[in-house]
Amino acid sequence: MSLREILQNIVDNNDPVLLCSGGKEYEAKDLLDTLHPVKLKRKAHMQNGMYIAAINDAGYLGDVMYKVKNK
């Protein structure tokens, strides 16, 4: 699943979450509108209520891209 698909699912489901990275908080819709297309194509995994992490080329979880925080 790509980061774009994860963010779109959050928007479509109207999930009441904020995504935190680098000390800032973002709405999923804002990230869809502002992130570079290459970053949105990145393979990722969402652990509900916890984080969105990148998936590396070997298929393992990589860096945590966003921490998920309830509104």
Protein backbone atom coordinates (compact mmCIF):
# COMPACT_ATOMS: atom_id res chain seq x y z
CA MET A 1 0.00 0.00 0.00
CA SER A 2 1.31 3.46 -0.79
CA LEU A 3 1.36 6.48 1.49
CA ARG A 4 -1.20 8.08 -0.86
CA GLU A 5 -3.62 5.16 -0.35
CA ILE A 6 -3.22 5.28 3.43
CA LEU A 7 -3.84 9.04 3.55
CA GLN A 8 -6.80 8.73 1.16
CA ASN A 9 -8.33 6.03 3.40
CA ILE A 10 -8.02 8.33 6.41
CA VAL A 11 -9.75 11.13 4.49
CA ASP A 12 -12.46 8.87 3.02
CA ASN A 13 -13.25 7.35 6.42
CA ASN A 14 -13.20 10.79 8.06
CA ASP A 15 -10.91 9.37 10.76
CA PRO A 16 -10.41 11.91 13.59
CA VAL A 17 -6.60 11.76 13.63
CA LEU A 18 -3.63 14.04 13.28
CA LEU A 19 -0.34 12.86 11.81
CA CYS A 20 2.73 14.06 13.69
CA SER A 21 6.22 14.46 12.28
CA GLY A 22 9.11 16.72 13.22
CA GLY A 23 7.17 18.31 16.07
CA LYS A 24 4.34 19.38 13.75
CA GLU A 25 0.81 18.03 13.34
CA TYR A 26 -0.89 17.54 9.99
CA GLU A 27 -4.31 16.60 8.65
CA ALA A 28 -4.23 13.73 6.13
CA LYS A 29 -5.93 15.93 3.50
CA ASP A 30 -3.23 18.59 3.86
CA LEU A 31 -0.51 16.00 3.30
CA LEU A 32 -2.29 14.68 0.21
CA ASP A 33 -2.41 18.22 -1.16
CA THR A 34 1.18 19.22 -0.36
CA LEU A 35 3.50 16.20 -0.41
CA HIS A 36 5.61 15.55 -3.48
CA PRO A 37 4.17 12.78 -5.72
CA VAL A 38 7.32 10.67 -5.25
CA LYS A 39 6.83 10.64 -1.48
CA LEU A 40 3.15 9.75 -1.89
CA LYS A 41 4.11 6.71 -4.00
CA ARG A 42 6.34 5.34 -1.23
CA LYS A 43 5.28 1.95 0.13
CA ALA A 44 4.04 2.26 3.70
CA HIS A 45 2.15 0.49 6.47
CA MET A 46 -0.25 2.03 8.98
CA GLN A 47 -0.54 0.55 12.45
CA ASN A 48 -3.88 2.03 13.52
CA GLY A 49 -3.60 4.40 16.43
CA MET A 50 0.19 4.27 16.43
CA TYR A 51 2.17 5.17 13.31
CA ILE A 52 2.66 5.15 9.56
CA ALA A 53 5.99 3.57 8.65
CA ALA A 54 7.83 3.22 5.37
CA ILE A 55 8.39 -0.27 3.98
CA ASN A 56 11.92 -0.82 2.72
CA ASP A 57 12.95 -2.69 -0.43
CA ALA A 58 13.31 -5.95 1.52
CA GLY A 59 9.69 -5.67 2.67
CA TYR A 60 10.45 -4.76 6.28
CA LEU A 61 9.17 -1.78 8.24
CA GLY A 62 11.56 1.12 7.94
CA ASP A 63 11.45 4.63 9.33
CA VAL A 64 8.35 5.88 11.10
CA MET A 65 7.04 8.62 8.83
CA TYR A 66 4.16 9.85 11.00
CA LYS A 67 2.90 9.13 14.48
CA VAL A 68 -0.90 8.89 14.61
CA LYS A 69 -2.61 10.98 17.26
CA ASN A 70 -6.34 11.10 18.00
CA LYS A 71 -7.97 14.53 17.77
